[in-house]
Amino acid sequence: MEAPSLEQLYLEDFPEMQLLESNRPLPCLHSATVEFGRSEISNEGLTRVLAQISNAKEMRLSWSLLCLLSNDNGDVQLPIFPSLTRLKIGSPGSSCILHSVLNSVPKLQSLNVILEDGRGTMEWEDFNDHGCTPECLLSSLEEIKIEDLIADKGEMEMVACLLEAGVSLKKAHVHIVYDDADVYEEYGDYLKAIHNRLGSLVKLLRSSRGCEAHLFLPFGDEIHVCSDDETHGNDAVDGMEDGDTNVDDGRTDNDNDNIICDGNDGEKQI
């Protein structure tokens, strides 16, 4: 394959497929999506393909590809992507895999993790057990976006790790999902569920100073989480962190400082 002007590339495998490799560089490549997982291509072949597109600026890697590339120890064999600034991945599945991925993108500025892609039990160990903190967390990563979070223990530990290690973070967007969201007939019940399940997440987001954090909830609401050094009705968050579930309907009692208050366009601030 010879495509010196190629800017976008989408690769998806199928059973019994063969790889089409390029021996020439792709100097104009801007974005690439790689969704492999249905064929029997060797790890070496996949690594060669990724090395040939390693100059991309933006990339999406599927959960199934990360699984294929992981060895017996859980490490993912990836080339270095020296120019990659925006990365979207499926559920990493473990702290070891995420550590390997972040080590391959030293200049990463934006990380988007889609947990629905490959959701399973998140095997999370101490991030530092896998070696030094990835360079991007110490220097360049400014934005994280976590989609389809159900806030179980492993997922919460992943979010905590990114918030604590990402010293340059400026934005954190977390999208919450509930498998049983339709059971909340009353908005007050919905708020109680948020208090029960997301208190520690709110505490984490608040502690990330200098980072603008937003929670996007299943019913279309958006919550702006103020950091500890801001004062915007934070009594509501204090109650959430303490596990207090005695809340009223935030849509009908905006005068109560202990309630999540309506903002513009459905945004709520806590």
C-alpha atoms as a PDB file:
ATOM      1  CA  MET A   1       0.000   0.000   0.000  1.00  0.00           C
ATOM      2  CA  GLU A   2       1.327   3.413  -0.959  1.00  0.00           C
ATOM      3  CA  ALA A   3      -0.735   6.403   0.186  1.00  0.00           C
ATOM      4  CA  PRO A   4       1.501   9.396   0.953  1.00  0.00           C
ATOM      5  CA  SER A   5      -1.481  11.800   1.107  1.00  0.00           C
ATOM      6  CA  LEU A   6      -3.707   9.656   3.337  1.00  0.00           C
ATOM      7  CA  GLU A   7      -5.116  11.670   6.274  1.00  0.00           C
ATOM      8  CA  GLN A   8      -7.689   9.309   7.837  1.00  0.00           C
ATOM      9  CA  LEU A   9      -7.541   5.544   8.250  1.00  0.00           C
ATOM     10  CA  TYR A  10     -10.092   3.020   9.554  1.00  0.00           C
ATOM     11  CA  LEU A  11      -9.025  -0.591  10.094  1.00  0.00           C
ATOM     12  CA  GLU A  12     -11.443  -3.349  11.100  1.00  0.00           C
ATOM     13  CA  ASP A  13     -10.732  -7.047  10.904  1.00  0.00           C
ATOM     14  CA  PHE A  14     -12.861 -10.058  10.033  1.00  0.00           C
ATOM     15  CA  PRO A  15     -12.295 -13.815  10.292  1.00  0.00           C
ATOM     16  CA  GLU A  16      -9.546 -15.200   8.048  1.00  0.00           C
ATOM     17  CA  MET A  17      -8.432 -11.753   6.937  1.00  0.00           C
ATOM     18  CA  GLN A  18      -4.853 -10.997   5.960  1.00  0.00           C
ATOM     19  CA  LEU A  19      -3.025  -7.829   6.845  1.00  0.00           C
ATOM     20  CA  LEU A  20      -2.210  -5.322   4.153  1.00  0.00           C
ATOM     21  CA  GLU A  21       0.985  -3.708   5.305  1.00  0.00           C
ATOM     22  CA  SER A  22       2.686  -0.600   4.015  1.00  0.00           C
ATOM     23  CA  ASN A  23       6.421  -0.354   3.702  1.00  0.00           C
ATOM     24  CA  ARG A  24       6.217   3.366   3.099  1.00  0.00           C
ATOM     25  CA  PRO A  25       5.490   6.100   5.646  1.00  0.00           C
ATOM     26  CA  LEU A  26       2.148   7.870   5.852  1.00  0.00           C
ATOM     27  CA  PRO A  27       3.396  11.420   6.460  1.00  0.00           C
ATOM     28  CA  CYS A  28      -0.029  13.096   6.222  1.00  0.00           C
ATOM     29  CA  LEU A  29      -1.907  10.697   8.503  1.00  0.00           C
ATOM     30  CA  HIS A  30      -3.965  12.669  11.015  1.00  0.00           C
ATOM     31  CA  SER A  31      -6.396  10.173  12.563  1.00  0.00           C
ATOM     32  CA  ALA A  32      -6.679   6.397  12.730  1.00  0.00           C
ATOM     33  CA  THR A  33      -9.211   3.936  14.137  1.00  0.00           C
ATOM     34  CA  VAL A  34      -8.193   0.328  14.766  1.00  0.00           C
ATOM     35  CA  GLU A  35     -10.897  -2.151  15.780  1.00  0.00           C
ATOM     36  CA  PHE A  36      -9.468  -5.647  15.676  1.00  0.00           C
ATOM     37  CA  GLY A  37     -10.535  -8.747  17.582  1.00  0.00           C
ATOM     38  CA  ARG A  38     -12.235 -11.223  15.225  1.00  0.00           C
ATOM     39  CA  SER A  39      -9.259 -12.607  13.321  1.00  0.00           C
ATOM     40  CA  GLU A  40      -6.222 -14.690  14.226  1.00  0.00           C
ATOM     41  CA  ILE A  41      -3.597 -12.115  13.358  1.00  0.00           C
ATOM     42  CA  SER A  42      -0.491 -12.447  15.480  1.00  0.00           C
ATOM     43  CA  ASN A  43       0.544  -9.864  18.044  1.00  0.00           C
ATOM     44  CA  GLU A  44       3.656  -9.219  15.993  1.00  0.00           C
ATOM     45  CA  GLY A  45       1.561  -8.422  12.928  1.00  0.00           C
ATOM     46  CA  LEU A  46      -0.689  -6.058  14.868  1.00  0.00           C
ATOM     47  CA  THR A  47       2.302  -4.305  16.407  1.00  0.00           C
ATOM     48  CA  ARG A  48       3.844  -3.800  12.953  1.00  0.00           C
ATOM     49  CA  VAL A  49       0.628  -2.245  11.671  1.00  0.00           C
ATOM     50  CA  LEU A  50       0.426   0.134  14.632  1.00  0.00           C
ATOM     51  CA  ALA A  51       4.077   1.082  14.178  1.00  0.00           C
ATOM     52  CA  GLN A  52       3.342   2.065  10.576  1.00  0.00           C
ATOM     53  CA  ILE A  53       0.653   4.525  11.698  1.00  0.00           C
ATOM     54  CA  SER A  54       2.449   5.734  14.814  1.00  0.00           C
ATOM     55  CA  ASN A  55       2.727   9.297  13.474  1.00  0.00           C
ATOM     56  CA  ALA A  56      -1.060   9.850  13.755  1.00  0.00           C
ATOM     57  CA  LYS A  57      -2.256  12.810  15.834  1.00  0.00           C
ATOM     58  CA  GLU A  58      -5.571  11.216  16.873  1.00  0.00           C
ATOM     59  CA  MET A  59      -6.397   7.551  17.380  1.00  0.00           C
ATOM     60  CA  ARG A  60      -9.103   5.177  18.572  1.00  0.00           C
ATOM     61  CA  LEU A  61      -8.180   1.699  19.805  1.00  0.00           C
ATOM     62  CA  SER A  62     -10.897  -0.836  20.575  1.00  0.00           C
ATOM     63  CA  TRP A  63     -11.086  -2.878  23.757  1.00  0.00           C
ATOM     64  CA  SER A  64     -10.735  -6.092  21.729  1.00  0.00           C
ATOM     65  CA  LEU A  65      -7.483  -4.836  20.194  1.00  0.00           C
ATOM     66  CA  LEU A  66      -6.037  -4.082  23.635  1.00  0.00           C
ATOM     67  CA  CYS A  67      -6.949  -7.616  24.728  1.00  0.00           C
ATOM     68  CA  LEU A  68      -5.248  -9.122  21.681  1.00  0.00           C
ATOM     69  CA  LEU A  69      -2.081  -7.159  22.344  1.00  0.00           C
ATOM     70  CA  SER A  70      -1.854  -7.947  26.068  1.00  0.00           C
ATOM     71  CA  ASN A  71       0.604 -10.628  27.127  1.00  0.00           C
ATOM     72  CA  ASP A  72       0.394 -13.114  29.996  1.00  0.00           C
ATOM     73  CA  ASN A  73       1.425 -10.407  32.472  1.00  0.00           C
ATOM     74  CA  GLY A  74      -1.283  -8.043  31.272  1.00  0.00           C
ATOM     75  CA  ASP A  75       1.132  -5.637  29.580  1.00  0.00           C
ATOM     76  CA  VAL A  76       0.104  -4.317  26.180  1.00  0.00           C
ATOM     77  CA  GLN A  77       2.786  -4.355  23.509  1.00  0.00           C
ATOM     78  CA  LEU A  78       2.427  -0.999  21.789  1.00  0.00           C
ATOM     79  CA  PRO A  79       4.849   1.145  19.807  1.00  0.00           C
ATOM     80  CA  ILE A  80       5.505   4.723  20.889  1.00  0.00           C
ATOM     81  CA  PHE A  81       3.161   7.269  19.312  1.00  0.00           C
ATOM     82  CA  PRO A  82       5.327  10.413  19.512  1.00  0.00           C
ATOM     83  CA  SER A  83       2.813  12.804  17.909  1.00  0.00           C
ATOM     84  CA  LEU A  84      -0.442  11.461  19.338  1.00  0.00           C
ATOM     85  CA  THR A  85      -2.370  14.114  21.278  1.00  0.00           C
ATOM     86  CA  ARG A  86      -5.915  12.680  21.349  1.00  0.00           C
ATOM     87  CA  LEU A  87      -6.704   9.052  22.212  1.00  0.00           C
ATOM     88  CA  LYS A  88      -9.994   7.191  22.530  1.00  0.00           C
ATOM     89  CA  ILE A  89      -9.965   3.652  23.920  1.00  0.00           C
ATOM     90  CA  GLY A  90     -12.423   1.007  25.052  1.00  0.00           C
ATOM     91  CA  SER A  91     -12.410  -0.282  28.613  1.00  0.00           C
ATOM     92  CA  PRO A  92      -8.770  -0.947  29.562  1.00  0.00           C
ATOM     93  CA  GLY A  93      -9.880  -3.769  31.889  1.00  0.00           C
ATOM     94  CA  SER A  94      -6.942  -3.377  34.254  1.00  0.00           C
ATOM     95  CA  SER A  95      -4.506  -0.844  35.641  1.00  0.00           C
ATOM     96  CA  CYS A  96      -1.672  -2.707  33.924  1.00  0.00           C
ATOM     97  CA  ILE A  97      -3.192  -2.255  30.464  1.00  0.00           C
ATOM     98  CA  LEU A  98      -3.967   1.427  31.038  1.00  0.00           C
ATOM     99  CA  HIS A  99      -0.420   2.005  32.306  1.00  0.00           C
ATOM    100  CA  SER A 100       1.008   0.394  29.155  1.00  0.00           C
ATOM    101  CA  VAL A 101      -1.233   2.459  26.889  1.00  0.00           C
ATOM    102  CA  LEU A 102      -0.369   5.754  28.582  1.00  0.00           C
ATOM    103  CA  ASN A 103       3.332   4.923  28.446  1.00  0.00           C
ATOM    104  CA  SER A 104       3.071   4.781  24.647  1.00  0.00           C
ATOM    105  CA  VAL A 105       1.671   8.326  24.272  1.00  0.00           C
ATOM    106  CA  PRO A 106       4.139  10.758  25.904  1.00  0.00           C
ATOM    107  CA  LYS A 107       2.501  13.885  24.431  1.00  0.00           C
ATOM    108  CA  LEU A 108      -1.137  12.938  25.007  1.00  0.00           C
ATOM    109  CA  GLN A 109      -3.417  15.904  25.740  1.00  0.00           C
ATOM    110  CA  SER A 110      -6.887  14.322  25.685  1.00  0.00           C
ATOM    111  CA  LEU A 111      -7.956  10.836  26.848  1.00  0.00           C
ATOM    112  CA  ASN A 112     -11.439   9.421  26.214  1.00  0.00           C
ATOM    113  CA  VAL A 113     -12.280   6.055  27.838  1.00  0.00           C
ATOM    114  CA  ILE A 114     -15.507   4.362  26.702  1.00  0.00           C
ATOM    115  CA  LEU A 115     -16.247   1.752  29.367  1.00  0.00           C
ATOM    116  CA  GLU A 116     -19.226   0.256  27.536  1.00  0.00           C
ATOM    117  CA  ASP A 117     -16.768  -1.017  24.910  1.00  0.00           C
ATOM    118  CA  GLY A 118     -15.642  -4.198  26.650  1.00  0.00           C
ATOM    119  CA  ARG A 119     -17.212  -3.651  30.038  1.00  0.00           C
ATOM    120  CA  GLY A 120     -16.293  -6.276  32.589  1.00  0.00           C
ATOM    121  CA  THR A 121     -14.750  -6.472  36.019  1.00  0.00           C
ATOM    122  CA  MET A 122     -12.051  -3.814  36.263  1.00  0.00           C
ATOM    123  CA  GLU A 123      -8.918  -5.413  37.724  1.00  0.00           C
ATOM    124  CA  TRP A 124      -7.262  -2.486  39.431  1.00  0.00           C
ATOM    125  CA  GLU A 125      -3.995  -2.568  41.347  1.00  0.00           C
ATOM    126  CA  ASP A 126      -1.788   0.240  42.581  1.00  0.00           C
ATOM    127  CA  PHE A 127      -0.813   2.164  39.442  1.00  0.00           C
ATOM    128  CA  ASN A 128       2.720   2.613  40.786  1.00  0.00           C
ATOM    129  CA  ASP A 129       3.211  -1.157  40.911  1.00  0.00           C
ATOM    130  CA  HIS A 130       3.620  -1.114  37.128  1.00  0.00           C
ATOM    131  CA  GLY A 131       6.579   1.266  37.091  1.00  0.00           C
ATOM    132  CA  CYS A 132       7.056   5.004  36.836  1.00  0.00           C
ATOM    133  CA  THR A 133       4.073   7.269  36.260  1.00  0.00           C
ATOM    134  CA  PRO A 134       3.540   7.708  32.490  1.00  0.00           C
ATOM    135  CA  GLU A 135       5.062  10.914  31.144  1.00  0.00           C
ATOM    136  CA  CYS A 136       1.777  12.260  29.773  1.00  0.00           C
ATOM    137  CA  LEU A 137       0.212  12.281  33.258  1.00  0.00           C
ATOM    138  CA  LEU A 138       3.086  14.366  34.558  1.00  0.00           C
ATOM    139  CA  SER A 139       3.248  16.897  31.751  1.00  0.00           C
ATOM    140  CA  SER A 140       0.763  17.060  28.880  1.00  0.00           C
ATOM    141  CA  LEU A 141      -2.612  15.446  29.700  1.00  0.00           C
ATOM    142  CA  GLU A 142      -5.151  18.267  30.090  1.00  0.00           C
ATOM    143  CA  GLU A 143      -8.509  16.593  29.514  1.00  0.00           C
ATOM    144  CA  ILE A 144     -10.112  13.277  30.408  1.00  0.00           C
ATOM    145  CA  LYS A 145     -13.536  12.032  29.389  1.00  0.00           C
ATOM    146  CA  ILE A 146     -14.942   8.868  30.953  1.00  0.00           C
ATOM    147  CA  GLU A 147     -18.097   7.505  29.305  1.00  0.00           C
ATOM    148  CA  ASP A 148     -20.577   4.868  30.534  1.00  0.00           C
ATOM    149  CA  LEU A 149     -19.361   4.842  34.143  1.00  0.00           C
ATOM    150  CA  ILE A 150     -21.422   2.706  36.530  1.00  0.00           C
ATOM    151  CA  ALA A 151     -19.190   3.697  39.467  1.00  0.00           C
ATOM    152  CA  ASP A 152     -18.171   0.228  40.642  1.00  0.00           C
ATOM    153  CA  LYS A 153     -14.989  -0.178  42.682  1.00  0.00           C
ATOM    154  CA  GLY A 154     -12.583  -0.758  39.801  1.00  0.00           C
ATOM    155  CA  GLU A 155     -13.947   2.094  37.705  1.00  0.00           C
ATOM    156  CA  MET A 156     -13.810   4.471  40.654  1.00  0.00           C
ATOM    157  CA  GLU A 157     -10.188   3.531  41.295  1.00  0.00           C
ATOM    158  CA  MET A 158      -9.361   4.226  37.655  1.00  0.00           C
ATOM    159  CA  VAL A 159     -10.929   7.697  37.825  1.00  0.00           C
ATOM    160  CA  ALA A 160      -9.157   8.391  41.120  1.00  0.00           C
ATOM    161  CA  CYS A 161      -5.822   7.407  39.622  1.00  0.00           C
ATOM    162  CA  LEU A 162      -6.220   9.690  36.595  1.00  0.00           C
ATOM    163  CA  LEU A 163      -7.321  12.630  38.739  1.00  0.00           C
ATOM    164  CA  GLU A 164      -4.525  12.204  41.258  1.00  0.00           C
ATOM    165  CA  ALA A 165      -1.697  11.504  38.802  1.00  0.00           C
ATOM    166  CA  GLY A 166      -2.745  13.970  36.089  1.00  0.00           C
ATOM    167  CA  VAL A 167      -0.986  17.050  37.405  1.00  0.00           C
ATOM    168  CA  SER A 168      -1.839  19.165  34.325  1.00  0.00           C
ATOM    169  CA  LEU A 169      -5.544  18.300  34.125  1.00  0.00           C
ATOM    170  CA  LYS A 170      -7.841  21.192  33.238  1.00  0.00           C
ATOM    171  CA  LYS A 171     -11.076  19.375  32.346  1.00  0.00           C
ATOM    172  CA  ALA A 172     -12.712  16.163  33.543  1.00  0.00           C
ATOM    173  CA  HIS A 173     -16.010  15.005  32.046  1.00  0.00           C
ATOM    174  CA  VAL A 174     -17.606  11.896  33.552  1.00  0.00           C
ATOM    175  CA  HIS A 175     -20.731  10.382  31.980  1.00  0.00           C
ATOM    176  CA  ILE A 176     -22.769   8.210  34.352  1.00  0.00           C
ATOM    177  CA  VAL A 177     -25.035   5.337  33.324  1.00  0.00           C
ATOM    178  CA  TYR A 178     -27.464   3.264  35.385  1.00  0.00           C
ATOM    179  CA  ASP A 179     -28.663  -0.130  34.236  1.00  0.00           C
ATOM    180  CA  ASP A 180     -31.853   0.487  36.216  1.00  0.00           C
ATOM    181  CA  ALA A 181     -32.290   4.219  35.511  1.00  0.00           C
ATOM    182  CA  ASP A 182     -35.938   3.782  34.590  1.00  0.00           C
ATOM    183  CA  VAL A 183     -36.880   2.829  38.177  1.00  0.00           C
ATOM    184  CA  TYR A 184     -36.527   6.410  39.382  1.00  0.00           C
ATOM    185  CA  GLU A 185     -40.086   7.681  39.037  1.00  0.00           C
ATOM    186  CA  GLU A 186     -39.493  10.737  41.202  1.00  0.00           C
ATOM    187  CA  TYR A 187     -36.630  13.178  40.841  1.00  0.00           C
ATOM    188  CA  GLY A 188     -36.046  13.029  44.594  1.00  0.00           C
ATOM    189  CA  ASP A 189     -35.414   9.275  44.342  1.00  0.00           C
ATOM    190  CA  TYR A 190     -32.967   9.996  41.559  1.00  0.00           C
ATOM    191  CA  LEU A 191     -31.043  12.446  43.757  1.00  0.00           C
ATOM    192  CA  LYS A 192     -30.891   9.859  46.544  1.00  0.00           C
ATOM    193  CA  ALA A 193     -29.372   7.364  44.138  1.00  0.00           C
ATOM    194  CA  ILE A 194     -26.752   9.913  43.137  1.00  0.00           C
ATOM    195  CA  HIS A 195     -25.937  10.548  46.795  1.00  0.00           C
ATOM    196  CA  ASN A 196     -25.595   6.828  47.485  1.00  0.00           C
ATOM    197  CA  ARG A 197     -23.457   5.850  44.514  1.00  0.00           C
ATOM    198  CA  LEU A 198     -21.422   8.895  43.577  1.00  0.00           C
ATOM    199  CA  GLY A 199     -20.400  10.529  46.840  1.00  0.00           C
ATOM    200  CA  SER A 200     -16.785   9.398  46.630  1.00  0.00           C
ATOM    201  CA  LEU A 201     -16.594  10.382  42.958  1.00  0.00           C
ATOM    202  CA  VAL A 202     -17.770  13.900  43.744  1.00  0.00           C
ATOM    203  CA  LYS A 203     -15.186  14.095  46.516  1.00  0.00           C
ATOM    204  CA  LEU A 204     -12.469  13.067  44.076  1.00  0.00           C
ATOM    205  CA  LEU A 205     -13.545  15.621  41.493  1.00  0.00           C
ATOM    206  CA  ARG A 206     -13.682  18.366  44.102  1.00  0.00           C
ATOM    207  CA  SER A 207     -10.167  17.581  45.305  1.00  0.00           C
ATOM    208  CA  SER A 208      -8.684  18.002  41.819  1.00  0.00           C
ATOM    209  CA  ARG A 209      -7.712  21.660  42.120  1.00  0.00           C
ATOM    210  CA  GLY A 210      -7.569  23.669  38.932  1.00  0.00           C
ATOM    211  CA  CYS A 211      -9.595  21.035  37.069  1.00  0.00           C
ATOM    212  CA  GLU A 212     -13.050  21.940  35.754  1.00  0.00           C
ATOM    213  CA  ALA A 213     -15.178  18.866  36.435  1.00  0.00           C
ATOM    214  CA  HIS A 214     -18.617  17.965  35.075  1.00  0.00           C
ATOM    215  CA  LEU A 215     -20.873  14.977  35.708  1.00  0.00           C
ATOM    216  CA  PHE A 216     -23.328  14.027  32.968  1.00  0.00           C
ATOM    217  CA  LEU A 217     -26.245  12.032  34.356  1.00  0.00           C
ATOM    218  CA  PRO A 218     -28.532   9.443  32.724  1.00  0.00           C
ATOM    219  CA  PHE A 219     -31.563  11.729  32.545  1.00  0.00           C
ATOM    220  CA  GLY A 220     -29.759  14.417  30.590  1.00  0.00           C
ATOM    221  CA  ASP A 221     -28.743  16.598  33.537  1.00  0.00           C
ATOM    222  CA  GLU A 222     -25.289  18.092  33.843  1.00  0.00           C
ATOM    223  CA  ILE A 223     -23.633  18.842  37.171  1.00  0.00           C
ATOM    224  CA  HIS A 224     -20.715  21.210  37.577  1.00  0.00           C
ATOM    225  CA  VAL A 225     -18.605  20.037  40.499  1.00  0.00           C
ATOM    226  CA  CYS A 226     -16.838  22.929  42.212  1.00  0.00           C
ATOM    227  CA  SER A 227     -13.352  22.342  43.577  1.00  0.00           C
ATOM    228  CA  ASP A 228     -12.568  22.680  47.278  1.00  0.00           C
ATOM    229  CA  ASP A 229     -11.353  26.245  46.844  1.00  0.00           C
ATOM    230  CA  GLU A 230     -14.633  27.387  45.247  1.00  0.00           C
ATOM    231  CA  THR A 231     -17.837  28.258  47.094  1.00  0.00           C
ATOM    232  CA  HIS A 232     -20.986  27.626  45.084  1.00  0.00           C
ATOM    233  CA  GLY A 233     -23.507  25.919  47.359  1.00  0.00           C
ATOM    234  CA  ASN A 234     -21.051  23.200  48.312  1.00  0.00           C
ATOM    235  CA  ASP A 235     -23.191  22.084  51.274  1.00  0.00           C
ATOM    236  CA  ALA A 236     -24.891  19.794  48.781  1.00  0.00           C
ATOM    237  CA  VAL A 237     -21.599  18.104  48.020  1.00  0.00           C
ATOM    238  CA  ASP A 238     -20.724  17.805  51.692  1.00  0.00           C
ATOM    239  CA  GLY A 239     -23.933  15.869  52.226  1.00  0.00           C
ATOM    240  CA  MET A 240     -23.202  13.712  49.228  1.00  0.00           C
ATOM    241  CA  GLU A 241     -19.727  12.845  50.511  1.00  0.00           C
ATOM    242  CA  ASP A 242     -21.108  11.911  53.934  1.00  0.00           C
ATOM    243  CA  GLY A 243     -23.666   9.589  52.377  1.00  0.00           C
ATOM    244  CA  ASP A 244     -26.627  11.797  53.338  1.00  0.00           C
ATOM    245  CA  THR A 245     -29.628  10.740  51.300  1.00  0.00           C
ATOM    246  CA  ASN A 246     -32.225  13.011  52.899  1.00  0.00           C
ATOM    247  CA  VAL A 247     -32.638  15.361  49.982  1.00  0.00           C
ATOM    248  CA  ASP A 248     -35.531  17.188  48.404  1.00  0.00           C
ATOM    249  CA  ASP A 249     -36.449  17.709  44.791  1.00  0.00           C
ATOM    250  CA  GLY A 250     -33.863  20.117  43.378  1.00  0.00           C
ATOM    251  CA  ARG A 251     -36.242  21.201  40.638  1.00  0.00           C
ATOM    252  CA  THR A 252     -38.796  22.662  42.997  1.00  0.00           C
ATOM    253  CA  ASP A 253     -36.747  24.104  45.855  1.00  0.00           C
ATOM    254  CA  ASN A 254     -33.967  26.233  44.451  1.00  0.00           C
ATOM    255  CA  ASP A 255     -33.806  28.309  47.641  1.00  0.00           C
ATOM    256  CA  ASN A 256     -32.416  25.451  49.691  1.00  0.00           C
ATOM    257  CA  ASP A 257     -28.612  25.641  49.795  1.00  0.00           C
ATOM    258  CA  ASN A 258     -28.388  21.927  50.562  1.00  0.00           C
ATOM    259  CA  ILE A 259     -29.945  20.927  47.267  1.00  0.00           C
ATOM    260  CA  ILE A 260     -28.529  20.614  43.791  1.00  0.00           C
ATOM    261  CA  CYS A 261     -29.735  23.784  42.101  1.00  0.00           C
ATOM    262  CA  ASP A 262     -30.865  24.325  38.568  1.00  0.00           C
ATOM    263  CA  GLY A 263     -28.520  26.272  36.332  1.00  0.00           C
ATOM    264  CA  ASN A 264     -28.733  27.324  32.721  1.00  0.00           C
ATOM    265  CA  ASP A 265     -29.784  24.730  30.141  1.00  0.00           C
ATOM    266  CA  GLY A 266     -30.318  22.037  32.742  1.00  0.00           C
ATOM    267  CA  GLU A 267     -26.879  22.409  34.295  1.00  0.00           C
ATOM    268  CA  LYS A 268     -26.689  21.909  38.021  1.00  0.00           C
ATOM    269  CA  GLN A 269     -23.901  23.054  40.276  1.00  0.00           C
ATOM    270  CA  ILE A 270     -22.839  21.359  43.484  1.00  0.00           C
END
